[in-house]
PDB file of all heavy atoms in Angstrom:
ATOM      1  N   GLN A   1     -36.475  25.652 -28.200  1.00  0.00           N
ATOM      2  CA  GLN A   1     -35.349  25.672 -27.261  1.00  0.00           C
ATOM      3  C   GLN A   1     -35.420  26.894 -26.347  1.00  0.00           C
ATOM      4  O   GLN A   1     -35.177  26.789 -25.146  1.00  0.00           O
ATOM      5  CB  GLN A   1     -34.019  25.654 -28.038  1.00  0.00           C
ATOM      6  CG  GLN A   1     -33.759  24.340 -28.724  1.00  0.00           C
ATOM      7  CD  GLN A   1     -32.621  24.399 -29.740  1.00  0.00           C
ATOM      8  OE1 GLN A   1     -32.240  25.468 -30.223  1.00  0.00           O
ATOM      9  NE2 GLN A   1     -32.078  23.238 -30.076  1.00  0.00           N
ATOM     10  N   GLU A   2     -35.793  28.028 -26.898  1.00  0.00           N
ATOM     11  CA  GLU A   2     -35.899  29.241 -26.087  1.00  0.00           C
ATOM     12  C   GLU A   2     -37.067  29.136 -25.108  1.00  0.00           C
ATOM     13  O   GLU A   2     -37.007  29.672 -24.001  1.00  0.00           O
ATOM     14  CB  GLU A   2     -36.046  30.471 -26.985  1.00  0.00           C
ATOM     15  CG  GLU A   2     -35.800  31.778 -26.286  1.00  0.00           C
ATOM     16  CD  GLU A   2     -34.410  31.922 -25.684  1.00  0.00           C
ATOM     17  OE1 GLU A   2     -33.433  31.394 -26.244  1.00  0.00           O
ATOM     18  OE2 GLU A   2     -34.301  32.583 -24.621  1.00  0.00           O
ATOM     19  N   ALA A   3     -38.119  28.421 -25.488  1.00  0.00           N
ATOM     20  CA  ALA A   3     -39.236  28.183 -24.570  1.00  0.00           C
ATOM     21  C   ALA A   3     -38.761  27.389 -23.359  1.00  0.00           C
ATOM     22  O   ALA A   3     -39.173  27.664 -22.223  1.00  0.00           O
ATOM     23  CB  ALA A   3     -40.359  27.433 -25.286  1.00  0.00           C
ATOM     24  N   GLU A   4     -37.873  26.430 -23.583  1.00  0.00           N
ATOM     25  CA  GLU A   4     -37.320  25.644 -22.472  1.00  0.00           C
ATOM     26  C   GLU A   4     -36.473  26.525 -21.553  1.00  0.00           C
ATOM     27  O   GLU A   4     -36.538  26.388 -20.333  1.00  0.00           O
ATOM     28  CB  GLU A   4     -36.508  24.472 -23.006  1.00  0.00           C
ATOM     29  CG  GLU A   4     -37.372  23.429 -23.672  1.00  0.00           C
ATOM     30  CD  GLU A   4     -36.578  22.265 -24.238  1.00  0.00           C
ATOM     31  OE1 GLU A   4     -35.469  21.976 -23.740  1.00  0.00           O
ATOM     32  OE2 GLU A   4     -37.087  21.630 -25.184  1.00  0.00           O
ATOM     33  N   VAL A   5     -35.704  27.426 -22.130  1.00  0.00           N
ATOM     34  CA  VAL A   5     -34.918  28.369 -21.337  1.00  0.00           C
ATOM     35  C   VAL A   5     -35.853  29.231 -20.487  1.00  0.00           C
ATOM     36  O   VAL A   5     -35.616  29.456 -19.299  1.00  0.00           O
ATOM     37  CB  VAL A   5     -34.030  29.253 -22.253  1.00  0.00           C
ATOM     38  CG1 VAL A   5     -33.408  30.405 -21.484  1.00  0.00           C
ATOM     39  CG2 VAL A   5     -32.971  28.404 -22.943  1.00  0.00           C
ATOM     40  N   HIS A   6     -36.935  29.689 -21.096  1.00  0.00           N
ATOM     41  CA  HIS A   6     -37.921  30.523 -20.407  1.00  0.00           C
ATOM     42  C   HIS A   6     -38.560  29.754 -19.246  1.00  0.00           C
ATOM     43  O   HIS A   6     -38.694  30.280 -18.144  1.00  0.00           O
ATOM     44  CB  HIS A   6     -38.982  30.980 -21.419  1.00  0.00           C
ATOM     45  CG  HIS A   6     -39.955  31.972 -20.894  1.00  0.00           C
ATOM     46  ND1 HIS A   6     -39.666  33.307 -20.736  1.00  0.00           N
ATOM     47  CD2 HIS A   6     -41.239  31.825 -20.477  1.00  0.00           C
ATOM     48  CE1 HIS A   6     -40.729  33.942 -20.254  1.00  0.00           C
ATOM     49  NE2 HIS A   6     -41.692  33.059 -20.090  1.00  0.00           N
ATOM     50  N   ALA A   7     -38.953  28.506 -19.504  1.00  0.00           N
ATOM     51  CA  ALA A   7     -39.561  27.677 -18.456  1.00  0.00           C
ATOM     52  C   ALA A   7     -38.585  27.485 -17.297  1.00  0.00           C
ATOM     53  O   ALA A   7     -38.969  27.611 -16.127  1.00  0.00           O
ATOM     54  CB  ALA A   7     -39.997  26.329 -19.024  1.00  0.00           C
ATOM     55  N   SER A   8     -37.343  27.187 -17.624  1.00  0.00           N
ATOM     56  CA  SER A   8     -36.326  26.996 -16.579  1.00  0.00           C
ATOM     57  C   SER A   8     -36.126  28.269 -15.763  1.00  0.00           C
ATOM     58  O   SER A   8     -36.011  28.219 -14.534  1.00  0.00           O
ATOM     59  CB  SER A   8     -34.993  26.571 -17.207  1.00  0.00           C
ATOM     60  OG  SER A   8     -35.120  25.291 -17.773  1.00  0.00           O
ATOM     61  N   ALA A   9     -36.106  29.412 -16.437  1.00  0.00           N
ATOM     62  CA  ALA A   9     -35.924  30.689 -15.744  1.00  0.00           C
ATOM     63  C   ALA A   9     -37.079  30.966 -14.774  1.00  0.00           C
ATOM     64  O   ALA A   9     -36.885  31.594 -13.734  1.00  0.00           O
ATOM     65  CB  ALA A   9     -35.801  31.829 -16.752  1.00  0.00           C
ATOM     66  N   LEU A  10     -38.259  30.459 -15.112  1.00  0.00           N
ATOM     67  CA  LEU A  10     -39.429  30.626 -14.237  1.00  0.00           C
ATOM     68  C   LEU A  10     -39.512  29.521 -13.179  1.00  0.00           C
ATOM     69  O   LEU A  10     -40.417  29.523 -12.351  1.00  0.00           O
ATOM     70  CB  LEU A  10     -40.716  30.634 -15.065  1.00  0.00           C
ATOM     71  CG  LEU A  10     -40.917  31.821 -16.012  1.00  0.00           C
ATOM     72  CD1 LEU A  10     -42.138  31.604 -16.889  1.00  0.00           C
ATOM     73  CD2 LEU A  10     -41.032  33.127 -15.239  1.00  0.00           C
ATOM     74  N   GLY A  11     -38.603  28.550 -13.251  1.00  0.00           N
ATOM     75  CA  GLY A  11     -38.626  27.434 -12.308  1.00  0.00           C
ATOM     76  C   GLY A  11     -39.732  26.435 -12.587  1.00  0.00           C
ATOM     77  O   GLY A  11     -40.174  25.720 -11.687  1.00  0.00           O
ATOM     78  N   LEU A  12     -40.177  26.378 -13.848  1.00  0.00           N
ATOM     79  CA  LEU A  12     -41.259  25.464 -14.218  1.00  0.00           C
ATOM     80  C   LEU A  12     -40.662  24.187 -14.806  1.00  0.00           C
ATOM     81  O   LEU A  12     -39.850  24.242 -15.730  1.00  0.00           O
ATOM     82  CB  LEU A  12     -42.202  26.136 -15.220  1.00  0.00           C
ATOM     83  CG  LEU A  12     -42.834  27.449 -14.719  1.00  0.00           C
ATOM     84  CD1 LEU A  12     -43.656  28.104 -15.818  1.00  0.00           C
ATOM     85  CD2 LEU A  12     -43.680  27.199 -13.482  1.00  0.00           C
ATOM     86  N   PRO A  13     -41.079  23.009 -14.287  1.00  0.00           N
ATOM     87  CA  PRO A  13     -40.432  21.746 -14.669  1.00  0.00           C
ATOM     88  C   PRO A  13     -40.922  21.126 -15.972  1.00  0.00           C
ATOM     89  O   PRO A  13     -40.336  20.166 -16.461  1.00  0.00           O
ATOM     90  CB  PRO A  13     -40.762  20.830 -13.494  1.00  0.00           C
ATOM     91  CG  PRO A  13     -42.090  21.336 -13.008  1.00  0.00           C
ATOM     92  CD  PRO A  13     -42.049  22.833 -13.215  1.00  0.00           C
ATOM     93  N   LYS A  14     -42.013  21.637 -16.543  1.00  0.00           N
ATOM     94  CA  LYS A  14     -42.514  21.016 -17.766  1.00  0.00           C
ATOM     95  C   LYS A  14     -43.220  22.033 -18.647  1.00  0.00           C
ATOM     96  O   LYS A  14     -43.680  23.073 -18.186  1.00  0.00           O
ATOM     97  CB  LYS A  14     -43.439  19.846 -17.458  1.00  0.00           C
ATOM     98  CG  LYS A  14     -44.707  20.192 -16.713  1.00  0.00           C
ATOM     99  CD  LYS A  14     -45.494  18.925 -16.399  1.00  0.00           C
ATOM    100  CE  LYS A  14     -46.629  19.204 -15.437  1.00  0.00           C
ATOM    101  NZ  LYS A  14     -47.374  17.989 -15.136  1.00  0.00           N
ATOM    102  N   ILE A  15     -43.279  21.671 -19.926  1.00  0.00           N
ATOM    103  CA  ILE A  15     -43.985  22.470 -20.922  1.00  0.00           C
ATOM    104  C   ILE A  15     -45.116  21.602 -21.472  1.00  0.00           C
ATOM    105  O   ILE A  15     -44.909  20.423 -21.774  1.00  0.00           O
ATOM    106  CB  ILE A  15     -43.046  22.906 -22.061  1.00  0.00           C
ATOM    107  CG1 ILE A  15     -41.903  23.769 -21.508  1.00  0.00           C
ATOM    108  CG2 ILE A  15     -43.816  23.666 -23.141  1.00  0.00           C
ATOM    109  CD1 ILE A  15     -40.859  24.153 -22.546  1.00  0.00           C
ATOM    110  N   VAL A  16     -46.296  22.187 -21.598  1.00  0.00           N
ATOM    111  CA  VAL A  16     -47.440  21.476 -22.176  1.00  0.00           C
ATOM    112  C   VAL A  16     -47.969  22.260 -23.370  1.00  0.00           C
ATOM    113  O   VAL A  16     -47.753  23.472 -23.480  1.00  0.00           O
ATOM    114  CB  VAL A  16     -48.582  21.253 -21.149  1.00  0.00           C
ATOM    115  CG1 VAL A  16     -48.119  20.382 -20.006  1.00  0.00           C
ATOM    116  CG2 VAL A  16     -49.137  22.561 -20.650  1.00  0.00           C
ATOM    117  N   MET A  17     -48.635  21.558 -24.257  1.00  0.00           N
ATOM    118  CA  MET A  17     -49.248  22.204 -25.415  1.00  0.00           C
ATOM    119  C   MET A  17     -50.418  21.363 -25.874  1.00  0.00           C
ATOM    120  O   MET A  17     -50.530  20.193 -25.492  1.00  0.00           O
ATOM    121  CB  MET A  17     -48.239  22.362 -26.546  1.00  0.00           C
ATOM    122  CG  MET A  17     -47.841  21.054 -27.178  1.00  0.00           C
ATOM    123  SD  MET A  17     -46.734  21.240 -28.572  1.00  0.00           S
ATOM    124  CE  MET A  17     -45.238  21.692 -27.751  1.00  0.00           C
ATOM    125  N   THR A  18     -51.262  21.959 -26.684  1.00  0.00           N
ATOM    126  CA  THR A  18     -52.349  21.217 -27.318  1.00  0.00           C
ATOM    127  C   THR A  18     -52.151  21.281 -28.831  1.00  0.00           C
ATOM    128  O   THR A  18     -51.744  22.305 -29.372  1.00  0.00           O
ATOM    129  CB  THR A  18     -53.735  21.786 -26.953  1.00  0.00           C
ATOM    130  OG1 THR A  18     -53.781  23.176 -27.280  1.00  0.00           O
ATOM    131  CG2 THR A  18     -54.027  21.593 -25.469  1.00  0.00           C
ATOM    132  N   VAL A  19     -52.431  20.157 -29.482  1.00  0.00           N
ATOM    133  CA  VAL A  19     -52.319  20.056 -30.935  1.00  0.00           C
ATOM    134  C   VAL A  19     -53.573  19.349 -31.435  1.00  0.00           C
ATOM    135  O   VAL A  19     -54.034  18.387 -30.812  1.00  0.00           O
ATOM    136  CB  VAL A  19     -51.063  19.253 -31.349  1.00  0.00           C
ATOM    137  CG1 VAL A  19     -50.947  19.159 -32.865  1.00  0.00           C
ATOM    138  CG2 VAL A  19     -49.799  19.857 -30.755  1.00  0.00           C
ATOM    139  N   ILE A  20     -54.105  19.816 -32.542  1.00  0.00           N
ATOM    140  CA  ILE A  20     -55.271  19.165 -33.124  1.00  0.00           C
ATOM    141  C   ILE A  20     -54.907  17.707 -33.429  1.00  0.00           C
ATOM    142  O   ILE A  20     -53.900  17.420 -34.061  1.00  0.00           O
ATOM    143  CB  ILE A  20     -55.747  19.893 -34.400  1.00  0.00           C
ATOM    144  CG1 ILE A  20     -56.196  21.321 -34.049  1.00  0.00           C
ATOM    145  CG2 ILE A  20     -56.883  19.127 -35.071  1.00  0.00           C
ATOM    146  CD1 ILE A  20     -56.526  22.190 -35.252  1.00  0.00           C
ATOM    147  N   SER A  21     -55.733  16.792 -32.954  1.00  0.00           N
ATOM    148  CA  SER A  21     -55.405  15.359 -32.962  1.00  0.00           C
ATOM    149  C   SER A  21     -55.130  14.784 -34.345  1.00  0.00           C
ATOM    150  O   SER A  21     -54.364  13.828 -34.461  1.00  0.00           O
ATOM    151  CB  SER A  21     -56.519  14.567 -32.283  1.00  0.00           C
ATOM    152  OG  SER A  21     -57.744  14.759 -32.976  1.00  0.00           O
ATOM    153  N   ILE A  22     -55.726  15.327 -35.380  1.00  0.00           N
ATOM    154  CA  ILE A  22     -55.518  14.765 -36.719  1.00  0.00           C
ATOM    155  C   ILE A  22     -54.308  15.379 -37.423  1.00  0.00           C
ATOM    156  O   ILE A  22     -54.041  15.065 -38.579  1.00  0.00           O
ATOM    157  CB  ILE A  22     -56.791  14.885 -37.595  1.00  0.00           C
ATOM    158  CG1 ILE A  22     -57.212  16.339 -37.740  1.00  0.00           C
ATOM    159  CG2 ILE A  22     -57.900  14.031 -37.038  1.00  0.00           C
ATOM    160  CD1 ILE A  22     -58.402  16.543 -38.677  1.00  0.00           C
ATOM    161  N   ARG A  23     -53.539  16.190 -36.727  1.00  0.00           N
ATOM    162  CA  ARG A  23     -52.334  16.809 -37.301  1.00  0.00           C
ATOM    163  C   ARG A  23     -51.117  15.909 -37.060  1.00  0.00           C
ATOM    164  O   ARG A  23     -50.172  16.268 -36.393  1.00  0.00           O
ATOM    165  CB  ARG A  23     -52.107  18.193 -36.677  1.00  0.00           C
ATOM    166  CG  ARG A  23     -53.246  19.187 -36.829  1.00  0.00           C
ATOM    167  CD  ARG A  23     -53.439  19.709 -38.235  1.00  0.00           C
ATOM    168  NE  ARG A  23     -52.205  20.094 -38.892  1.00  0.00           N
ATOM    169  CZ  ARG A  23     -51.584  21.261 -38.706  1.00  0.00           C
ATOM    170  NH1 ARG A  23     -52.067  22.162 -37.906  1.00  0.00           N
ATOM    171  NH2 ARG A  23     -50.468  21.513 -39.354  1.00  0.00           N
ATOM    172  N   LYS A  24     -51.153  14.708 -37.619  1.00  0.00           N
ATOM    173  CA  LYS A  24     -50.121  13.701 -37.354  1.00  0.00           C
ATOM    174  C   LYS A  24     -48.707  14.201 -37.620  1.00  0.00           C
ATOM    175  O   LYS A  24     -47.797  13.981 -36.818  1.00  0.00           O
ATOM    176  CB  LYS A  24     -50.413  12.433 -38.159  1.00  0.00           C
ATOM    177  CG  LYS A  24     -49.391  11.337 -37.857  1.00  0.00           C
ATOM    178  CD  LYS A  24     -49.733  10.029 -38.488  1.00  0.00           C
ATOM    179  CE  LYS A  24     -48.716   8.943 -38.294  1.00  0.00           C
ATOM    180  NZ  LYS A  24     -47.547   9.195 -37.516  1.00  0.00           N
ATOM    181  N   GLU A  25     -48.511  14.889 -38.735  1.00  0.00           N
ATOM    182  CA  GLU A  25     -47.161  15.359 -39.078  1.00  0.00           C
ATOM    183  C   GLU A  25     -46.635  16.358 -38.046  1.00  0.00           C
ATOM    184  O   GLU A  25     -45.451  16.362 -37.713  1.00  0.00           O
ATOM    185  CB  GLU A  25     -47.118  15.964 -40.489  1.00  0.00           C
ATOM    186  CG  GLU A  25     -47.815  17.309 -40.653  1.00  0.00           C
ATOM    187  CD  GLU A  25     -49.350  17.298 -40.575  1.00  0.00           C
ATOM    188  OE1 GLU A  25     -49.970  16.222 -40.621  1.00  0.00           O
ATOM    189  OE2 GLU A  25     -49.933  18.390 -40.445  1.00  0.00           O
ATOM    190  N   LEU A  26     -47.522  17.165 -37.512  1.00  0.00           N
ATOM    191  CA  LEU A  26     -47.130  18.147 -36.489  1.00  0.00           C
ATOM    192  C   LEU A  26     -46.852  17.441 -35.159  1.00  0.00           C
ATOM    193  O   LEU A  26     -45.856  17.729 -34.487  1.00  0.00           O
ATOM    194  CB  LEU A  26     -48.235  19.189 -36.337  1.00  0.00           C
ATOM    195  CG  LEU A  26     -47.912  20.454 -35.584  1.00  0.00           C
ATOM    196  CD1 LEU A  26     -46.686  21.156 -36.164  1.00  0.00           C
ATOM    197  CD2 LEU A  26     -49.109  21.387 -35.602  1.00  0.00           C
ATOM    198  N   ILE A  27     -47.704  16.508 -34.795  1.00  0.00           N
ATOM    199  CA  ILE A  27     -47.500  15.729 -33.566  1.00  0.00           C
ATOM    200  C   ILE A  27     -46.177  14.974 -33.647  1.00  0.00           C
ATOM    201  O   ILE A  27     -45.395  14.958 -32.689  1.00  0.00           O
ATOM    202  CB  ILE A  27     -48.694  14.787 -33.317  1.00  0.00           C
ATOM    203  CG1 ILE A  27     -49.951  15.607 -33.015  1.00  0.00           C
ATOM    204  CG2 ILE A  27     -48.390  13.802 -32.181  1.00  0.00           C
ATOM    205  CD1 ILE A  27     -51.249  14.833 -33.107  1.00  0.00           C
ATOM    206  N   ASP A  28     -45.901  14.374 -34.809  1.00  0.00           N
ATOM    207  CA  ASP A  28     -44.635  13.663 -34.996  1.00  0.00           C
ATOM    208  C   ASP A  28     -43.443  14.603 -34.821  1.00  0.00           C
ATOM    209  O   ASP A  28     -42.433  14.234 -34.226  1.00  0.00           O
ATOM    210  CB  ASP A  28     -44.571  13.010 -36.385  1.00  0.00           C
ATOM    211  CG  ASP A  28     -45.535  11.835 -36.530  1.00  0.00           C
ATOM    212  OD1 ASP A  28     -46.050  11.340 -35.504  1.00  0.00           O
ATOM    213  OD2 ASP A  28     -45.773  11.420 -37.680  1.00  0.00           O
ATOM    214  N   TRP A  29     -43.547  15.822 -35.331  1.00  0.00           N
ATOM    215  CA  TRP A  29     -42.464  16.805 -35.203  1.00  0.00           C
ATOM    216  C   TRP A  29     -42.218  17.129 -33.728  1.00  0.00           C
ATOM    217  O   TRP A  29     -41.083  17.147 -33.272  1.00  0.00           O
ATOM    218  CB  TRP A  29     -42.802  18.073 -36.002  1.00  0.00           C
ATOM    219  CG  TRP A  29     -41.698  19.065 -36.064  1.00  0.00           C
ATOM    220  CD1 TRP A  29     -40.643  19.062 -36.922  1.00  0.00           C
ATOM    221  CD2 TRP A  29     -41.538  20.218 -35.228  1.00  0.00           C
ATOM    222  NE1 TRP A  29     -39.833  20.151 -36.672  1.00  0.00           N
ATOM    223  CE2 TRP A  29     -40.358  20.875 -35.641  1.00  0.00           C
ATOM    224  CE3 TRP A  29     -42.274  20.769 -34.179  1.00  0.00           C
ATOM    225  CZ2 TRP A  29     -39.901  22.048 -35.038  1.00  0.00           C
ATOM    226  CZ3 TRP A  29     -41.818  21.927 -33.577  1.00  0.00           C
ATOM    227  CH2 TRP A  29     -40.644  22.553 -34.004  1.00  0.00           C
ATOM    228  N   TYR A  30     -43.308  17.362 -32.997  1.00  0.00           N
ATOM    229  CA  TYR A  30     -43.149  17.645 -31.560  1.00  0.00           C
ATOM    230  C   TYR A  30     -42.585  16.427 -30.824  1.00  0.00           C
ATOM    231  O   TYR A  30     -41.759  16.572 -29.925  1.00  0.00           O
ATOM    232  CB  TYR A  30     -44.474  18.087 -30.940  1.00  0.00           C
ATOM    233  CG  TYR A  30     -44.829  19.519 -31.265  1.00  0.00           C
ATOM    234  CD1 TYR A  30     -45.996  19.833 -31.955  1.00  0.00           C
ATOM    235  CD2 TYR A  30     -44.008  20.566 -30.865  1.00  0.00           C
ATOM    236  CE1 TYR A  30     -46.319  21.145 -32.251  1.00  0.00           C
ATOM    237  CE2 TYR A  30     -44.325  21.877 -31.162  1.00  0.00           C
ATOM    238  CZ  TYR A  30     -45.483  22.163 -31.857  1.00  0.00           C
ATOM    239  OH  TYR A  30     -45.793  23.472 -32.147  1.00  0.00           O
ATOM    240  N   ASN A  31     -43.015  15.227 -31.185  1.00  0.00           N
ATOM    241  CA  ASN A  31     -42.463  14.002 -30.584  1.00  0.00           C
ATOM    242  C   ASN A  31     -40.949  13.936 -30.768  1.00  0.00           C
ATOM    243  O   ASN A  31     -40.222  13.603 -29.831  1.00  0.00           O
ATOM    244  CB  ASN A  31     -43.093  12.746 -31.192  1.00  0.00           C
ATOM    245  CG  ASN A  31     -44.538  12.496 -30.808  1.00  0.00           C
ATOM    246  OD1 ASN A  31     -45.225  11.711 -31.459  1.00  0.00           O
ATOM    247  ND2 ASN A  31     -45.049  13.139 -29.765  1.00  0.00           N
ATOM    248  N   ARG A  32     -40.492  14.280 -31.967  1.00  0.00           N
ATOM    249  CA  ARG A  32     -39.050  14.263 -32.241  1.00  0.00           C
ATOM    250  C   ARG A  32     -38.292  15.281 -31.379  1.00  0.00           C
ATOM    251  O   ARG A  32     -37.086  15.166 -31.203  1.00  0.00           O
ATOM    252  CB  ARG A  32     -38.776  14.529 -33.725  1.00  0.00           C
ATOM    253  CG  ARG A  32     -39.162  13.362 -34.617  1.00  0.00           C
ATOM    254  CD  ARG A  32     -38.631  13.500 -36.036  1.00  0.00           C
ATOM    255  NE  ARG A  32     -39.077  14.683 -36.745  1.00  0.00           N
ATOM    256  CZ  ARG A  32     -40.218  14.779 -37.429  1.00  0.00           C
ATOM    257  NH1 ARG A  32     -41.046  13.741 -37.495  1.00  0.00           N
ATOM    258  NH2 ARG A  32     -40.532  15.883 -38.059  1.00  0.00           N
ATOM    259  N   HIS A  33     -39.013  16.269 -30.855  1.00  0.00           N
ATOM    260  CA  HIS A  33     -38.394  17.286 -29.997  1.00  0.00           C
ATOM    261  C   HIS A  33     -38.680  17.041 -28.516  1.00  0.00           C
ATOM    262  O   HIS A  33     -38.513  17.931 -27.685  1.00  0.00           O
ATOM    263  CB  HIS A  33     -38.838  18.684 -30.434  1.00  0.00           C
ATOM    264  CG  HIS A  33     -38.262  19.055 -31.768  1.00  0.00           C
ATOM    265  ND1 HIS A  33     -38.877  18.741 -32.959  1.00  0.00           N
ATOM    266  CD2 HIS A  33     -37.095  19.652 -32.101  1.00  0.00           C
ATOM    267  CE1 HIS A  33     -38.121  19.155 -33.959  1.00  0.00           C
ATOM    268  NE2 HIS A  33     -37.029  19.710 -33.465  1.00  0.00           N
ATOM    269  N   GLY A  34     -39.131  15.817 -28.201  1.00  0.00           N
ATOM    270  CA  GLY A  34     -39.271  15.420 -26.805  1.00  0.00           C
ATOM    271  C   GLY A  34     -40.635  15.615 -26.176  1.00  0.00           C
ATOM    272  O   GLY A  34     -40.812  15.376 -24.983  1.00  0.00           O
ATOM    273  N   TYR A  35     -41.619  16.026 -26.954  1.00  0.00           N
ATOM    274  CA  TYR A  35     -42.973  16.224 -26.433  1.00  0.00           C
ATOM    275  C   TYR A  35     -43.761  14.928 -26.613  1.00  0.00           C
ATOM    276  O   TYR A  35     -43.819  14.384 -27.715  1.00  0.00           O
ATOM    277  CB  TYR A  35     -43.672  17.381 -27.148  1.00  0.00           C
ATOM    278  CG  TYR A  35     -43.065  18.707 -26.767  1.00  0.00           C
ATOM    279  CD1 TYR A  35     -41.917  19.177 -27.394  1.00  0.00           C
ATOM    280  CD2 TYR A  35     -43.598  19.467 -25.737  1.00  0.00           C
ATOM    281  CE1 TYR A  35     -41.325  20.376 -27.028  1.00  0.00           C
ATOM    282  CE2 TYR A  35     -43.019  20.664 -25.361  1.00  0.00           C
ATOM    283  CZ  TYR A  35     -41.883  21.112 -26.010  1.00  0.00           C
ATOM    284  OH  TYR A  35     -41.300  22.290 -25.631  1.00  0.00           O
TER     285      TYR A  35
END
């Protein structure tokens, strides 16, 4: 949530990240948070 505040303060419209493809549980967690 604070990363989103930071992005907004910089005027950046999106956040990107990389996750190791076989980390399904982690990818699912990020999906639940809108990624």
